PDB file of N, CA and C in Angstrom:
ATOM      1  N   UNK A   1       0.670  -1.356  -0.035  1.00  0.00           N
ATOM      2  CA  UNK A   1       0.155  -0.094   0.054  1.00  0.00           C
ATOM      3  C   UNK A   1       0.924   1.020   0.148  1.00  0.00           C
ATOM      4  N   UNK A   2       0.651   2.162  -1.081  1.00  0.00           N
ATOM      5  CA  UNK A   2       1.547   3.302  -1.034  1.00  0.00           C
ATOM      6  C   UNK A   2       1.205   4.393   0.500  1.00  0.00           C
ATOM      7  N   UNK A   3       2.072   4.964   0.780  1.00  0.00           N
ATOM      8  CA  UNK A   3       2.010   6.228   1.755  1.00  0.00           C
ATOM      9  C   UNK A   3       1.240   7.142   1.353  1.00  0.00           C
ATOM     10  N   UNK A   4      -0.070   7.575   1.717  1.00  0.00           N
ATOM     11  CA  UNK A   4      -0.802   8.333   1.096  1.00  0.00           C
ATOM     12  C   UNK A   4      -0.662   9.902   1.824  1.00  0.00           C
ATOM     13  N   UNK A   5       0.303  10.163   2.703  1.00  0.00           N
ATOM     14  CA  UNK A   5       0.484  11.313   3.059  1.00  0.00           C
ATOM     15  C   UNK A   5       2.072  11.720   2.733  1.00  0.00           C
ATOM     16  N   UNK A   6       2.070  12.683   1.588  1.00  0.00           N
ATOM     17  CA  UNK A   6       3.301  13.168   1.031  1.00  0.00           C
ATOM     18  C   UNK A   6       3.868  13.880   2.076  1.00  0.00           C
ATOM     19  N   UNK A   7       4.876  13.910   2.358  1.00  0.00           N
ATOM     20  CA  UNK A   7       5.809  14.652   2.864  1.00  0.00           C
ATOM     21  C   UNK A   7       6.175  15.883   1.894  1.00  0.00           C
ATOM     22  N   UNK A   8       6.605  17.072   2.691  1.00  0.00           N
ATOM     23  CA  UNK A   8       7.082  18.373   2.115  1.00  0.00           C
ATOM     24  C   UNK A   8       7.909  19.177   2.923  1.00  0.00           C
ATOM     25  N   UNK A   9       8.551  19.803   2.496  1.00  0.00           N
ATOM     26  CA  UNK A   9       9.704  20.561   3.203  1.00  0.00           C
ATOM     27  C   UNK A   9       9.047  21.603   4.184  1.00  0.00           C
ATOM     28  N   UNK A  10       9.809  21.424   5.684  1.00  0.00           N
ATOM     29  CA  UNK A  10       9.054  22.105   6.516  1.00  0.00           C
ATOM     30  C   UNK A  10      10.512  22.365   7.377  1.00  0.00           C
ATOM     31  N   UNK A  11      10.417  23.840   7.870  1.00  0.00           N
ATOM     32  CA  UNK A  11      11.364  24.347   8.883  1.00  0.00           C
ATOM     33  C   UNK A  11      10.776  23.692  10.314  1.00  0.00           C
ATOM     34  N   UNK A  12      11.604  22.963  10.825  1.00  0.00           N
ATOM     35  CA  UNK A  12      11.576  22.716  12.217  1.00  0.00           C
ATOM     36  C   UNK A  12      12.248  23.388  13.065  1.00  0.00           C
ATOM     37  N   UNK A  13      11.645  24.101  14.300  1.00  0.00           N
ATOM     38  CA  UNK A  13      12.708  24.769  15.024  1.00  0.00           C
ATOM     39  C   UNK A  13      12.204  23.714  16.496  1.00  0.00           C
ATOM     40  N   UNK A  14      13.744  23.219  17.227  1.00  0.00           N
ATOM     41  CA  UNK A  14      13.382  22.633  18.570  1.00  0.00           C
ATOM     42  C   UNK A  14      13.701  23.552  19.578  1.00  0.00           C
ATOM     43  N   UNK A  15      13.440  23.202  20.884  1.00  0.00           N
ATOM     44  CA  UNK A  15      13.542  24.016  21.767  1.00  0.00           C
ATOM     45  C   UNK A  15      13.668  22.794  22.919  1.00  0.00           C
ATOM     46  N   UNK A  16      14.387  23.923  23.956  1.00  0.00           N
ATOM     47  CA  UNK A  16      14.828  23.090  25.485  1.00  0.00           C
ATOM     48  C   UNK A  16      13.988  22.764  26.239  1.00  0.00           C
ATOM     49  N   UNK A  17      13.054  23.651  26.347  1.00  0.00           N
ATOM     50  CA  UNK A  17      11.811  23.565  27.164  1.00  0.00           C
ATOM     51  C   UNK A  17      10.403  23.468  26.616  1.00  0.00           C
ATOM     52  N   UNK A  18       9.289  23.322  27.112  1.00  0.00           N
ATOM     53  CA  UNK A  18       7.985  23.100  26.617  1.00  0.00           C
ATOM     54  C   UNK A  18       7.435  24.713  26.749  1.00  0.00           C
ATOM     55  N   UNK A  19       7.827  25.358  27.617  1.00  0.00           N
ATOM     56  CA  UNK A  19       7.230  26.634  27.812  1.00  0.00           C
ATOM     57  C   UNK A  19       7.676  27.711  26.584  1.00  0.00           C
ATOM     58  N   UNK A  20       9.029  27.289  26.199  1.00  0.00           N
ATOM     59  CA  UNK A  20       9.387  27.990  24.849  1.00  0.00           C
ATOM     60  C   UNK A  20       8.409  27.372  23.724  1.00  0.00           C
ATOM     61  N   UNK A  21       8.337  26.425  23.480  1.00  0.00           N
ATOM     62  CA  UNK A  21       7.617  25.904  22.434  1.00  0.00           C
ATOM     63  C   UNK A  21       6.091  26.471  22.397  1.00  0.00           C
ATOM     64  N   UNK A  22       5.305  26.552  23.587  1.00  0.00           N
ATOM     65  CA  UNK A  22       4.162  26.860  23.868  1.00  0.00           C
ATOM     66  C   UNK A  22       4.042  28.687  23.360  1.00  0.00           C
ATOM     67  N   UNK A  23       5.365  28.928  24.325  1.00  0.00           N
ATOM     68  CA  UNK A  23       5.401  30.521  23.992  1.00  0.00           C
ATOM     69  C   UNK A  23       5.109  30.932  22.513  1.00  0.00           C
ATOM     70  N   UNK A  24       6.121  30.282  21.904  1.00  0.00           N
ATOM     71  CA  UNK A  24       6.232  30.195  19.935  1.00  0.00           C
ATOM     72  C   UNK A  24       4.961  30.102  19.738  1.00  0.00           C
ATOM     73  N   UNK A  25       4.285  29.202  19.755  1.00  0.00           N
ATOM     74  CA  UNK A  25       3.212  28.753  19.445  1.00  0.00           C
ATOM     75  C   UNK A  25       2.116  29.890  19.432  1.00  0.00           C
ATOM     76  N   UNK A  26       2.079  30.470  20.830  1.00  0.00           N
ATOM     77  CA  UNK A  26       1.150  31.300  20.990  1.00  0.00           C
ATOM     78  C   UNK A  26       1.074  32.784  20.296  1.00  0.00           C
ATOM     79  N   UNK A  27       2.667  33.077  20.210  1.00  0.00           N
ATOM     80  CA  UNK A  27       2.954  34.284  19.392  1.00  0.00           C
ATOM     81  C   UNK A  27       2.842  34.164  18.201  1.00  0.00           C
ATOM     82  N   UNK A  28       2.968  32.844  17.637  1.00  0.00           N
ATOM     83  CA  UNK A  28       2.517  33.230  15.832  1.00  0.00           C
ATOM     84  C   UNK A  28       1.030  33.092  15.796  1.00  0.00           C
ATOM     85  N   UNK A  29       0.170  32.564  16.632  1.00  0.00           N
ATOM     86  CA  UNK A  29      -0.943  32.844  16.606  1.00  0.00           C
ATOM     87  C   UNK A  29      -1.708  33.975  16.673  1.00  0.00           C
ATOM     88  N   UNK A  30      -1.190  34.953  17.903  1.00  0.00           N
ATOM     89  CA  UNK A  30      -1.285  36.273  18.143  1.00  0.00           C
ATOM     90  C   UNK A  30      -0.845  37.076  16.638  1.00  0.00           C
ATOM     91  N   UNK A  31      -0.110  36.555  15.926  1.00  0.00           N
ATOM     92  CA  UNK A  31       0.512  37.820  14.820  1.00  0.00           C
ATOM     93  C   UNK A  31       0.117  36.959  13.230  1.00  0.00           C
ATOM     94  N   UNK A  32      -0.616  35.804  13.375  1.00  0.00           N
ATOM     95  CA  UNK A  32      -1.256  35.417  12.013  1.00  0.00           C
ATOM     96  C   UNK A  32       0.184  35.020  11.445  1.00  0.00           C
ATOM     97  N   UNK A  33       1.001  34.254  11.807  1.00  0.00           N
ATOM     98  CA  UNK A  33       2.240  33.542  11.595  1.00  0.00           C
ATOM     99  C   UNK A  33       1.797  32.281  11.532  1.00  0.00           C
ATOM    100  N   UNK A  34       2.072  31.671  10.361  1.00  0.00           N
ATOM    101  CA  UNK A  34       1.716  30.353  10.018  1.00  0.00           C
ATOM    102  C   UNK A  34       2.742  29.202  10.570  1.00  0.00           C
ATOM    103  N   UNK A  35       2.270  28.122  11.410  1.00  0.00           N
ATOM    104  CA  UNK A  35       3.198  27.383  11.784  1.00  0.00           C
ATOM    105  C   UNK A  35       2.514  26.462  12.899  1.00  0.00           C
ATOM    106  N   UNK A  36       2.885  25.373  13.654  1.00  0.00           N
ATOM    107  CA  UNK A  36       2.163  24.447  14.553  1.00  0.00           C
ATOM    108  C   UNK A  36       2.951  23.591  15.471  1.00  0.00           C
ATOM    109  N   UNK A  37       2.741  23.349  16.723  1.00  0.00           N
ATOM    110  CA  UNK A  37       3.746  22.479  17.787  1.00  0.00           C
ATOM    111  C   UNK A  37       3.614  21.080  17.175  1.00  0.00           C
ATOM    112  N   UNK A  38       4.677  20.525  17.006  1.00  0.00           N
ATOM    113  CA  UNK A  38       4.817  19.223  16.608  1.00  0.00           C
ATOM    114  C   UNK A  38       5.533  18.091  17.597  1.00  0.00           C
ATOM    115  N   UNK A  39       5.251  17.155  17.315  1.00  0.00           N
ATOM    116  CA  UNK A  39       6.226  16.120  18.193  1.00  0.00           C
ATOM    117  C   UNK A  39       7.514  16.350  17.867  1.00  0.00           C
ATOM    118  N   UNK A  40       8.936  16.112  18.176  1.00  0.00           N
ATOM    119  CA  UNK A  40      10.116  16.412  17.405  1.00  0.00           C
ATOM    120  C   UNK A  40      10.174  15.045  16.766  1.00  0.00           C
ATOM    121  N   UNK A  41      10.592  15.244  15.238  1.00  0.00           N
ATOM    122  CA  UNK A  41      10.777  13.880  14.552  1.00  0.00           C
ATOM    123  C   UNK A  41      11.921  12.820  14.940  1.00  0.00           C
ATOM    124  N   UNK A  42      11.815  11.964  14.769  1.00  0.00           N
ATOM    125  CA  UNK A  42      12.975  10.615  15.425  1.00  0.00           C
ATOM    126  C   UNK A  42      14.112  11.220  14.606  1.00  0.00           C
ATOM    127  N   UNK A  43      14.137  11.876  13.617  1.00  0.00           N
ATOM    128  CA  UNK A  43      15.821  11.991  12.593  1.00  0.00           C
ATOM    129  C   UNK A  43      16.305  12.991  13.317  1.00  0.00           C
ATOM    130  N   UNK A  44      15.917  14.075  14.390  1.00  0.00           N
ATOM    131  CA  UNK A  44      16.613  14.882  14.775  1.00  0.00           C
ATOM    132  C   UNK A  44      16.661  14.750  16.324  1.00  0.00           C
ATOM    133  N   UNK A  45      17.367  15.667  17.220  1.00  0.00           N
ATOM    134  CA  UNK A  45      17.672  15.487  18.558  1.00  0.00           C
ATOM    135  C   UNK A  45      16.310  15.769  19.154  1.00  0.00           C
ATOM    136  N   UNK A  46      16.136  15.239  20.679  1.00  0.00           N
ATOM    137  CA  UNK A  46      14.871  15.678  21.299  1.00  0.00           C
ATOM    138  C   UNK A  46      14.445  16.643  21.930  1.00  0.00           C
ATOM    139  N   UNK A  47      15.230  17.256  22.416  1.00  0.00           N
ATOM    140  CA  UNK A  47      15.050  18.682  23.218  1.00  0.00           C
ATOM    141  C   UNK A  47      14.060  18.431  24.322  1.00  0.00           C
ATOM    142  N   UNK A  48      13.044  19.144  24.377  1.00  0.00           N
ATOM    143  CA  UNK A  48      11.878  18.864  25.320  1.00  0.00           C
ATOM    144  C   UNK A  48      10.981  17.965  24.732  1.00  0.00           C
ATOM    145  N   UNK A  49      11.098  17.413  23.567  1.00  0.00           N
ATOM    146  CA  UNK A  49      10.063  16.720  22.913  1.00  0.00           C
ATOM    147  C   UNK A  49       9.431  17.482  22.002  1.00  0.00           C
ATOM    148  N   UNK A  50       9.014  18.597  22.116  1.00  0.00           N
ATOM    149  CA  UNK A  50       8.265  19.409  21.426  1.00  0.00           C
ATOM    150  C   UNK A  50       8.858  20.375  20.210  1.00  0.00           C
ATOM    151  N   UNK A  51       8.394  20.478  19.249  1.00  0.00           N
ATOM    152  CA  UNK A  51       8.835  21.394  18.394  1.00  0.00           C
ATOM    153  C   UNK A  51       7.968  22.281  17.396  1.00  0.00           C
ATOM    154  N   UNK A  52       8.539  23.393  16.883  1.00  0.00           N
ATOM    155  CA  UNK A  52       7.391  23.961  15.820  1.00  0.00           C
ATOM    156  C   UNK A  52       7.549  24.007  14.196  1.00  0.00           C
ATOM    157  N   UNK A  53       6.840  23.592  13.717  1.00  0.00           N
ATOM    158  CA  UNK A  53       6.962  23.200  12.261  1.00  0.00           C
ATOM    159  C   UNK A  53       6.254  24.259  11.399  1.00  0.00           C
ATOM    160  N   UNK A  54       6.866  24.786  10.362  1.00  0.00           N
ATOM    161  CA  UNK A  54       6.147  25.570   9.628  1.00  0.00           C
ATOM    162  C   UNK A  54       6.674  25.309   8.023  1.00  0.00           C
ATOM    163  N   UNK A  55       5.875  25.817   6.912  1.00  0.00           N
ATOM    164  CA  UNK A  55       6.095  25.489   5.688  1.00  0.00           C
ATOM    165  C   UNK A  55       7.056  26.634   5.153  1.00  0.00           C
ATOM    166  N   UNK A  56       6.801  27.923   5.821  1.00  0.00           N
ATOM    167  CA  UNK A  56       8.088  29.043   5.802  1.00  0.00           C
ATOM    168  C   UNK A  56       9.118  28.845   5.763  1.00  0.00           C
ATOM    169  N   UNK A  57       9.961  28.855   4.551  1.00  0.00           N
ATOM    170  CA  UNK A  57      11.521  28.221   4.917  1.00  0.00           C
ATOM    171  C   UNK A  57      12.318  29.042   4.911  1.00  0.00           C
ATOM    172  N   UNK A  58      11.968  30.514   5.319  1.00  0.00           N
ATOM    173  CA  UNK A  58      12.946  31.529   5.560  1.00  0.00           C
ATOM    174  C   UNK A  58      13.547  31.586   6.944  1.00  0.00           C
ATOM    175  N   UNK A  59      14.908  31.047   6.888  1.00  0.00           N
ATOM    176  CA  UNK A  59      15.038  30.617   8.505  1.00  0.00           C
ATOM    177  C   UNK A  59      15.645  32.187   9.111  1.00  0.00           C
ATOM    178  N   UNK A  60      16.152  33.146   8.395  1.00  0.00           N
ATOM    179  CA  UNK A  60      16.386  34.352   8.857  1.00  0.00           C
ATOM    180  C   UNK A  60      15.323  35.172   9.258  1.00  0.00           C
ATOM    181  N   UNK A  61      14.021  34.940   8.606  1.00  0.00           N
ATOM    182  CA  UNK A  61      12.489  35.544   9.278  1.00  0.00           C
ATOM    183  C   UNK A  61      12.417  35.092  10.586  1.00  0.00           C
ATOM    184  N   UNK A  62      12.566  33.615  10.803  1.00  0.00           N
ATOM    185  CA  UNK A  62      12.355  33.035  12.061  1.00  0.00           C
ATOM    186  C   UNK A  62      13.576  33.147  13.259  1.00  0.00           C
ATOM    187  N   UNK A  63      14.619  33.422  12.908  1.00  0.00           N
ATOM    188  CA  UNK A  63      15.841  33.783  13.806  1.00  0.00           C
ATOM    189  C   UNK A  63      15.459  35.408  14.254  1.00  0.00           C
ATOM    190  N   UNK A  64      15.200  36.070  13.229  1.00  0.00           N
ATOM    191  CA  UNK A  64      14.748  37.572  13.725  1.00  0.00           C
ATOM    192  C   UNK A  64      13.457  37.420  14.665  1.00  0.00           C
ATOM    193  N   UNK A  65      12.422  36.883  13.986  1.00  0.00           N
ATOM    194  CA  UNK A  65      11.042  37.021  14.703  1.00  0.00           C
ATOM    195  C   UNK A  65      11.287  36.491  16.317  1.00  0.00           C
ATOM    196  N   UNK A  66      12.227  35.232  16.388  1.00  0.00           N
ATOM    197  CA  UNK A  66      12.309  34.907  17.457  1.00  0.00           C
ATOM    198  C   UNK A  66      13.191  35.669  18.677  1.00  0.00           C
ATOM    199  N   UNK A  67      14.291  36.274  17.955  1.00  0.00           N
ATOM    200  CA  UNK A  67      15.246  37.360  18.773  1.00  0.00           C
ATOM    201  C   UNK A  67      14.100  38.437  19.071  1.00  0.00           C
ATOM    202  N   UNK A  68      13.395  39.087  18.129  1.00  0.00           N
ATOM    203  CA  UNK A  68      12.445  40.052  18.681  1.00  0.00           C
ATOM    204  C   UNK A  68      11.526  39.705  19.987  1.00  0.00           C
ATOM    205  N   UNK A  69      11.116  38.634  19.814  1.00  0.00           N
ATOM    206  CA  UNK A  69      10.092  38.350  20.684  1.00  0.00           C
ATOM    207  C   UNK A  69      10.781  37.372  22.114  1.00  0.00           C
ATOM    208  N   UNK A  70      11.840  37.151  21.773  1.00  0.00           N
ATOM    209  CA  UNK A  70      12.594  36.730  23.277  1.00  0.00           C
ATOM    210  C   UNK A  70      12.394  35.342  23.480  1.00  0.00           C
ATOM    211  N   UNK A  71      12.278  34.344  22.071  1.00  0.00           N
ATOM    212  CA  UNK A  71      12.040  33.050  22.407  1.00  0.00           C
ATOM    213  C   UNK A  71      13.579  32.551  22.038  1.00  0.00           C
ATOM    214  N   UNK A  72      13.646  31.488  23.134  1.00  0.00           N
ATOM    215  CA  UNK A  72      14.784  30.968  23.136  1.00  0.00           C
ATOM    216  C   UNK A  72      14.726  29.488  22.682  1.00  0.00           C
ATOM    217  N   UNK A  73      15.462  29.503  21.502  1.00  0.00           N
ATOM    218  CA  UNK A  73      15.373  27.937  20.948  1.00  0.00           C
ATOM    219  C   UNK A  73      16.605  26.979  20.873  1.00  0.00           C
ATOM    220  N   UNK A  74      16.910  25.968  20.577  1.00  0.00           N
ATOM    221  CA  UNK A  74      17.683  25.382  20.524  1.00  0.00           C
ATOM    222  C   UNK A  74      18.300  25.191  19.215  1.00  0.00           C
ATOM    223  N   UNK A  75      17.724  24.269  18.034  1.00  0.00           N
ATOM    224  CA  UNK A  75      18.379  24.282  16.704  1.00  0.00           C
ATOM    225  C   UNK A  75      17.151  24.782  15.522  1.00  0.00           C
ATOM    226  N   UNK A  76      17.444  24.984  14.505  1.00  0.00           N
ATOM    227  CA  UNK A  76      16.654  24.631  13.042  1.00  0.00           C
ATOM    228  C   UNK A  76      17.320  24.099  12.330  1.00  0.00           C
ATOM    229  N   UNK A  77      15.879  23.306  11.397  1.00  0.00           N
ATOM    230  CA  UNK A  77      16.125  22.296  10.673  1.00  0.00           C
ATOM    231  C   UNK A  77      15.412  22.807   9.363  1.00  0.00           C
ATOM    232  N   UNK A  78      15.839  22.091   8.321  1.00  0.00           N
ATOM    233  CA  UNK A  78      14.772  22.045   7.288  1.00  0.00           C
ATOM    234  C   UNK A  78      15.048  20.779   6.753  1.00  0.00           C
ATOM    235  N   UNK A  79      13.771  20.060   6.817  1.00  0.00           N
ATOM    236  CA  UNK A  79      13.396  18.725   6.338  1.00  0.00           C
ATOM    237  C   UNK A  79      12.214  18.564   6.009  1.00  0.00           C
ATOM    238  N   UNK A  80      11.967  17.333   5.263  1.00  0.00           N
ATOM    239  CA  UNK A  80      10.767  16.698   4.595  1.00  0.00           C
ATOM    240  C   UNK A  80       9.896  15.967   5.938  1.00  0.00           C
ATOM    241  N   UNK A  81       8.519  16.816   5.934  1.00  0.00           N
ATOM    242  CA  UNK A  81       8.048  16.593   7.163  1.00  0.00           C
ATOM    243  C   UNK A  81       6.462  15.911   6.829  1.00  0.00           C
TER     244      UNK A  81
END
């Protein structure tokens, strides 16, 4: 049986704490920025176990967004998810 879920490129941001991932999710909702909390994919480090995923692959945008809003993140990946 074929895999019905086609993977697409996503930018994945990991965090050291759940508080940071929830804060990131809340900020994005308040600012109409696309993305959502996910379970950290098995291919990358676990951190706190949750991550933020978005189809917006502009790494510089996300770094600035997080710096401007004092979001503490661990790593940023671009991968099929």
